[in-house]
Amino acid sequence: MNAVDKNIWTKLRSEAEDYIKSNEDYKDFLESLVLSNDDFISSISLKLSRDLSQAWSFTEKKLYPGILQALNSTEISKAIEMDLNAVISRDPATNTIIETFLFSKGFSALQAYRASNYHWNSENLLSYFLQSRSSQVYGVDIHPAAKIGKGIMLDHATGIVIGETSVIEDDVSIFQGVTLGGTGKEIGDRHPKVRKGVLISSGAKILGNVEIGEGAKIAAGSVVLEDVPEHMTVAGVPAKVVGKTSIKTPGIEIDHTIEEN
């Protein structure tokens, strides 16, 4: 059994069964995707394979083994559990595991990234394929070489871009339209480093090899070109420190208000 909490799998199955009871039209779909599988990792691997297989000659059957191999590792399956709990606990629009599993494209894109990252050093073509298809299907472009921690929420997610040498630590929340990018044609270590508990609001652009300190908050629409001290709120174009965060971990507590000095 993989590292995902058995209670999550039990709840997902129960929620799928409840949907089927309420409407038999869901039966074939949910039995195939959820109830006929052995565990959560098998189920999410199947979903990603189906989502991403409709291109070139890559079929669901060809993609599934590589995705399952990646996501079934103990470290990654634990990260998936924490990502799932992050969405459910932080997003007021999400009430059930099955809603996140089926319909959160940010959650799915993040797990596709985890599979592509797993294969990055051994099967670059598969990694790039997963990145490309994830960008097309989910609207989220994460380079396979980026380093992303656990308990991450990509909310709404459309338009998020995360560059090759980006680092995102645990318990970070990122909203739609955010870019973690470079500043031009430089090579090497050129993308942002986002520390634990950071909140990056919608439309923010963080460019270059800058550090976003632990527990910092990036206001919506900001353009960040310099390091941000820990537990500070920045806003504007270019972004400037406007105040100290009133909460320790904005990335978990999700408070978009701008604290001012």
Protein backbone atom coordinates (compact mmCIF):
# COMPACT_ATOMS: atom_id res chain seq x y z
CA MET A 1 0.00 0.00 0.00
CA ASN A 2 1.38 3.44 -0.90
CA ALA A 3 1.86 6.18 1.66
CA VAL A 4 -1.44 7.99 1.09
CA ASP A 5 -3.67 7.73 4.14
CA LYS A 6 -6.13 4.84 3.73
CA ASN A 7 -8.87 7.11 5.09
CA ILE A 8 -8.54 9.31 1.98
CA TRP A 9 -9.07 6.30 -0.28
CA THR A 10 -12.01 5.13 1.82
CA LYS A 11 -13.63 8.59 1.68
CA LEU A 12 -13.08 8.90 -2.07
CA ARG A 13 -14.73 5.54 -2.67
CA SER A 14 -17.62 6.45 -0.38
CA GLU A 15 -18.17 9.78 -2.14
CA ALA A 16 -18.08 8.04 -5.54
CA GLU A 17 -20.66 5.53 -4.35
CA ASP A 18 -22.87 8.38 -3.08
CA TYR A 19 -22.73 10.08 -6.49
CA ILE A 20 -23.73 6.83 -8.18
CA LYS A 21 -26.67 6.42 -5.79
CA SER A 22 -27.86 9.94 -6.62
CA ASN A 23 -27.51 9.47 -10.38
CA GLU A 24 -26.88 6.18 -12.19
CA ASP A 25 -25.46 8.12 -15.16
CA TYR A 26 -22.22 8.48 -13.18
CA LYS A 27 -21.85 4.74 -12.61
CA ASP A 28 -19.61 3.61 -15.49
CA PHE A 29 -17.39 6.71 -15.22
CA LEU A 30 -16.83 6.51 -11.46
CA GLU A 31 -16.56 2.73 -11.29
CA SER A 32 -13.84 2.81 -13.96
CA LEU A 33 -11.93 5.77 -12.53
CA VAL A 34 -12.32 5.12 -8.80
CA LEU A 35 -14.10 1.98 -7.62
CA SER A 36 -12.31 -0.54 -9.85
CA ASN A 37 -8.86 0.54 -8.66
CA ASP A 38 -6.86 -0.83 -5.75
CA ASP A 39 -5.83 2.45 -4.11
CA PHE A 40 -5.70 6.23 -4.46
CA ILE A 41 -2.39 6.34 -6.36
CA SER A 42 -3.65 3.85 -8.96
CA SER A 43 -6.77 5.95 -9.39
CA ILE A 44 -5.02 9.33 -9.76
CA SER A 45 -2.46 7.75 -12.12
CA LEU A 46 -5.31 6.49 -14.30
CA LYS A 47 -7.00 9.90 -14.30
CA LEU A 48 -3.81 11.68 -15.36
CA SER A 49 -3.16 9.07 -18.05
CA ARG A 50 -6.63 9.65 -19.49
CA ASP A 51 -6.36 13.43 -19.27
CA LEU A 52 -2.96 13.61 -20.94
CA SER A 53 -2.98 10.77 -23.48
CA GLN A 54 -4.90 12.39 -26.31
CA ALA A 55 -1.91 13.41 -28.41
CA TRP A 56 0.63 11.87 -30.77
CA SER A 57 0.76 8.09 -30.34
CA PHE A 58 0.83 8.17 -26.53
CA THR A 59 -2.19 6.22 -25.37
CA GLU A 60 -3.56 5.86 -21.88
CA LYS A 61 -2.05 2.39 -21.61
CA LYS A 62 1.42 3.69 -22.54
CA LEU A 63 1.33 6.61 -20.10
CA TYR A 64 -0.17 4.84 -17.12
CA PRO A 65 2.84 2.66 -16.09
CA GLY A 66 5.26 5.60 -16.04
CA ILE A 67 2.89 7.84 -14.09
CA LEU A 68 2.03 5.05 -11.63
CA GLN A 69 5.71 4.27 -11.07
CA ALA A 70 6.39 7.91 -10.22
CA LEU A 71 3.40 8.62 -8.02
CA ASN A 72 3.62 5.32 -6.16
CA SER A 73 6.97 6.20 -4.59
CA THR A 74 6.63 6.80 -0.85
CA GLU A 75 7.87 10.40 -0.94
CA ILE A 76 5.65 11.48 -3.83
CA SER A 77 2.52 9.71 -2.64
CA LYS A 78 2.88 11.46 0.72
CA ALA A 79 3.25 14.79 -1.08
CA ILE A 80 0.05 14.04 -3.02
CA GLU A 81 -1.82 13.42 0.22
CA MET A 82 -0.60 16.75 1.61
CA ASP A 83 -1.51 18.57 -1.63
CA LEU A 84 -5.00 17.10 -1.48
CA ASN A 85 -5.48 18.14 2.13
CA ALA A 86 -4.15 21.62 1.29
CA VAL A 87 -6.86 22.17 -1.32
CA ILE A 88 -9.65 20.86 0.89
CA SER A 89 -8.58 22.89 3.93
CA ARG A 90 -7.77 26.16 2.10
CA ASP A 91 -10.31 26.42 -0.73
CA PRO A 92 -13.81 27.32 0.54
CA ALA A 93 -15.30 26.23 -2.78
CA THR A 94 -14.14 22.63 -2.26
CA ASN A 95 -15.95 20.37 0.17
CA THR A 96 -15.09 16.81 -0.80
CA ILE A 97 -12.15 14.69 -1.86
CA ILE A 98 -13.84 13.61 -5.06
CA GLU A 99 -14.40 17.21 -6.20
CA THR A 100 -10.69 17.93 -5.85
CA PHE A 101 -9.70 14.62 -7.41
CA LEU A 102 -11.93 15.04 -10.46
CA PHE A 103 -12.12 18.76 -11.10
CA SER A 104 -9.23 20.72 -9.54
CA LYS A 105 -6.93 21.31 -12.47
CA GLY A 106 -4.35 22.85 -10.15
CA PHE A 107 -4.19 19.62 -8.14
CA SER A 108 -4.00 17.49 -11.30
CA ALA A 109 -1.34 19.72 -12.87
CA LEU A 110 0.76 19.49 -9.73
CA GLN A 111 0.64 15.68 -9.76
CA ALA A 112 1.49 15.63 -13.49
CA TYR A 113 4.51 17.78 -12.57
CA ARG A 114 5.48 15.30 -9.84
CA ALA A 115 5.44 12.48 -12.40
CA SER A 116 7.47 14.53 -14.91
CA ASN A 117 9.98 15.52 -12.24
CA TYR A 118 10.41 11.88 -11.16
CA HIS A 119 11.44 10.90 -14.70
CA TRP A 120 13.46 14.05 -15.43
CA ASN A 121 16.93 12.50 -15.13
CA SER A 122 16.10 9.23 -16.89
CA GLU A 123 13.38 9.87 -19.49
CA ASN A 124 13.49 13.49 -20.60
CA LEU A 125 11.13 12.94 -23.51
CA LEU A 126 8.42 11.57 -21.21
CA SER A 127 9.01 14.46 -18.80
CA TYR A 128 8.67 17.05 -21.54
CA PHE A 129 5.62 15.27 -22.91
CA LEU A 130 3.89 15.39 -19.53
CA GLN A 131 4.81 19.07 -19.13
CA SER A 132 3.55 19.98 -22.59
CA ARG A 133 0.28 18.08 -22.31
CA SER A 134 -0.34 19.35 -18.79
CA SER A 135 0.08 22.91 -20.06
CA GLN A 136 -2.39 22.23 -22.87
CA VAL A 137 -4.97 20.39 -20.76
CA TYR A 138 -4.77 22.19 -17.41
CA GLY A 139 -3.39 25.59 -18.41
CA VAL A 140 -0.45 25.23 -16.00
CA ASP A 141 3.18 25.14 -17.24
CA ILE A 142 5.68 23.70 -14.73
CA HIS A 143 9.16 22.78 -15.91
CA PRO A 144 9.99 19.18 -14.92
CA ALA A 145 13.25 20.25 -13.26
CA ALA A 146 11.62 22.71 -10.85
CA LYS A 147 11.74 21.70 -7.18
CA ILE A 148 8.38 21.80 -5.42
CA GLY A 149 7.62 20.78 -1.85
CA LYS A 150 4.51 19.35 -0.18
CA GLY A 151 1.18 20.81 0.87
CA ILE A 152 0.97 23.05 -2.22
CA MET A 153 -2.25 24.61 -3.51
CA LEU A 154 -2.49 25.95 -7.06
CA ASP A 155 -5.88 27.66 -6.84
CA HIS A 156 -7.85 28.19 -10.08
CA ALA A 157 -4.37 27.64 -11.58
CA THR A 158 -4.97 28.89 -15.13
CA GLY A 159 -1.92 30.70 -16.44
CA ILE A 160 0.55 29.64 -13.75
CA VAL A 161 4.13 29.35 -15.10
CA ILE A 162 6.98 27.91 -13.00
CA GLY A 163 10.47 27.98 -14.51
CA GLU A 164 13.22 25.39 -14.60
CA THR A 165 15.33 26.45 -11.60
CA SER A 166 12.43 27.55 -9.41
CA VAL A 167 12.22 26.24 -5.85
CA ILE A 168 8.94 26.16 -3.91
CA GLU A 169 9.03 24.92 -0.34
CA ASP A 170 6.19 23.37 1.69
CA ASP A 171 2.78 24.92 2.47
CA VAL A 172 2.78 27.52 -0.32
CA SER A 173 -0.39 28.71 -2.09
CA ILE A 174 -0.24 30.16 -5.61
CA PHE A 175 -3.18 31.67 -7.47
CA GLN A 176 -4.04 32.03 -11.15
CA GLY A 177 -1.82 33.96 -13.54
CA VAL A 178 1.32 33.79 -11.39
CA THR A 179 4.73 33.57 -13.09
CA LEU A 180 7.95 32.38 -11.48
CA GLY A 181 10.22 33.34 -14.34
CA GLY A 182 13.60 34.64 -15.41
CA THR A 183 14.55 38.18 -16.34
CA GLY A 184 15.84 37.49 -19.82
CA LYS A 185 18.19 35.15 -21.64
CA GLU A 186 20.49 34.34 -18.74
CA ILE A 187 21.31 30.68 -18.15
CA GLY A 188 21.93 28.72 -14.96
CA ASP A 189 20.15 29.36 -11.66
CA ARG A 190 17.75 32.09 -12.79
CA HIS A 191 14.34 31.54 -11.19
CA PRO A 192 12.73 32.44 -7.83
CA LYS A 193 13.16 30.59 -4.55
CA VAL A 194 9.89 30.58 -2.59
CA ARG A 195 10.22 29.60 1.07
CA LYS A 196 7.70 27.92 3.38
CA GLY A 197 4.23 29.28 3.98
CA VAL A 198 4.26 31.97 1.26
CA LEU A 199 1.07 33.28 -0.37
CA ILE A 200 1.34 34.49 -3.97
CA SER A 201 -1.88 36.20 -5.06
CA SER A 202 -3.33 36.22 -8.57
CA GLY A 203 -1.41 37.80 -11.42
CA ALA A 204 1.84 38.32 -9.50
CA LYS A 205 5.08 38.05 -11.48
CA ILE A 206 8.27 37.08 -9.65
CA LEU A 207 11.27 37.35 -11.95
CA GLY A 208 14.87 36.32 -11.52
CA ASN A 209 16.87 34.41 -8.93
CA VAL A 210 15.24 36.21 -6.00
CA GLU A 211 14.25 34.81 -2.62
CA ILE A 212 10.76 35.12 -1.20
CA GLY A 213 11.23 34.76 2.53
CA GLU A 214 9.30 32.35 4.73
CA GLY A 215 5.73 33.44 5.46
CA ALA A 216 5.82 36.37 3.04
CA LYS A 217 2.84 37.61 1.07
CA ILE A 218 2.89 38.81 -2.56
CA ALA A 219 -0.10 41.01 -3.38
CA ALA A 220 -2.17 40.50 -6.53
CA GLY A 221 -0.70 42.01 -9.70
CA SER A 222 2.69 42.75 -8.16
CA VAL A 223 5.98 42.52 -10.10
CA VAL A 224 8.73 41.27 -7.80
CA LEU A 225 12.33 41.87 -8.93
CA GLU A 226 14.14 41.83 -5.57
CA ASP A 227 14.32 39.59 -2.50
CA VAL A 228 11.34 39.76 -0.14
CA PRO A 229 12.13 39.51 3.61
CA GLU A 230 10.35 36.82 5.59
CA HIS A 231 6.91 37.65 7.02
CA MET A 232 6.58 40.81 4.92
CA THR A 233 3.86 41.88 2.49
CA VAL A 234 4.92 43.40 -0.82
CA ALA A 235 2.75 45.13 -3.40
CA GLY A 236 3.06 47.21 -6.52
CA VAL A 237 5.00 47.51 -9.78
CA PRO A 238 7.80 47.12 -8.96
CA ALA A 239 6.86 45.52 -5.65
CA LYS A 240 7.83 47.24 -2.42
CA VAL A 241 7.43 46.22 1.22
CA VAL A 242 4.18 47.71 2.52
CA GLY A 243 3.96 46.04 5.90
CA LYS A 244 4.56 43.01 8.09
CA THR A 245 2.21 40.05 7.66
CA SER A 246 -0.34 39.75 10.45
CA ILE A 247 -0.34 35.94 10.27
CA LYS A 248 2.55 33.47 10.44
CA THR A 249 1.76 31.32 7.40
CA PRO A 250 -0.26 33.23 4.77
CA GLY A 251 0.11 30.27 2.41
CA ILE A 252 -1.98 28.12 4.74
CA GLU A 253 -4.37 30.69 6.15
CA ILE A 254 -5.10 32.43 2.81
CA ASP A 255 -5.55 36.07 3.67
CA HIS A 256 -5.15 38.34 0.63
CA THR A 257 -5.53 41.61 2.52
CA ILE A 258 -2.58 43.99 2.29
CA GLU A 259 -1.01 44.95 5.61
CA GLU A 260 0.46 48.45 5.54
CA ASN A 261 2.95 50.17 7.85
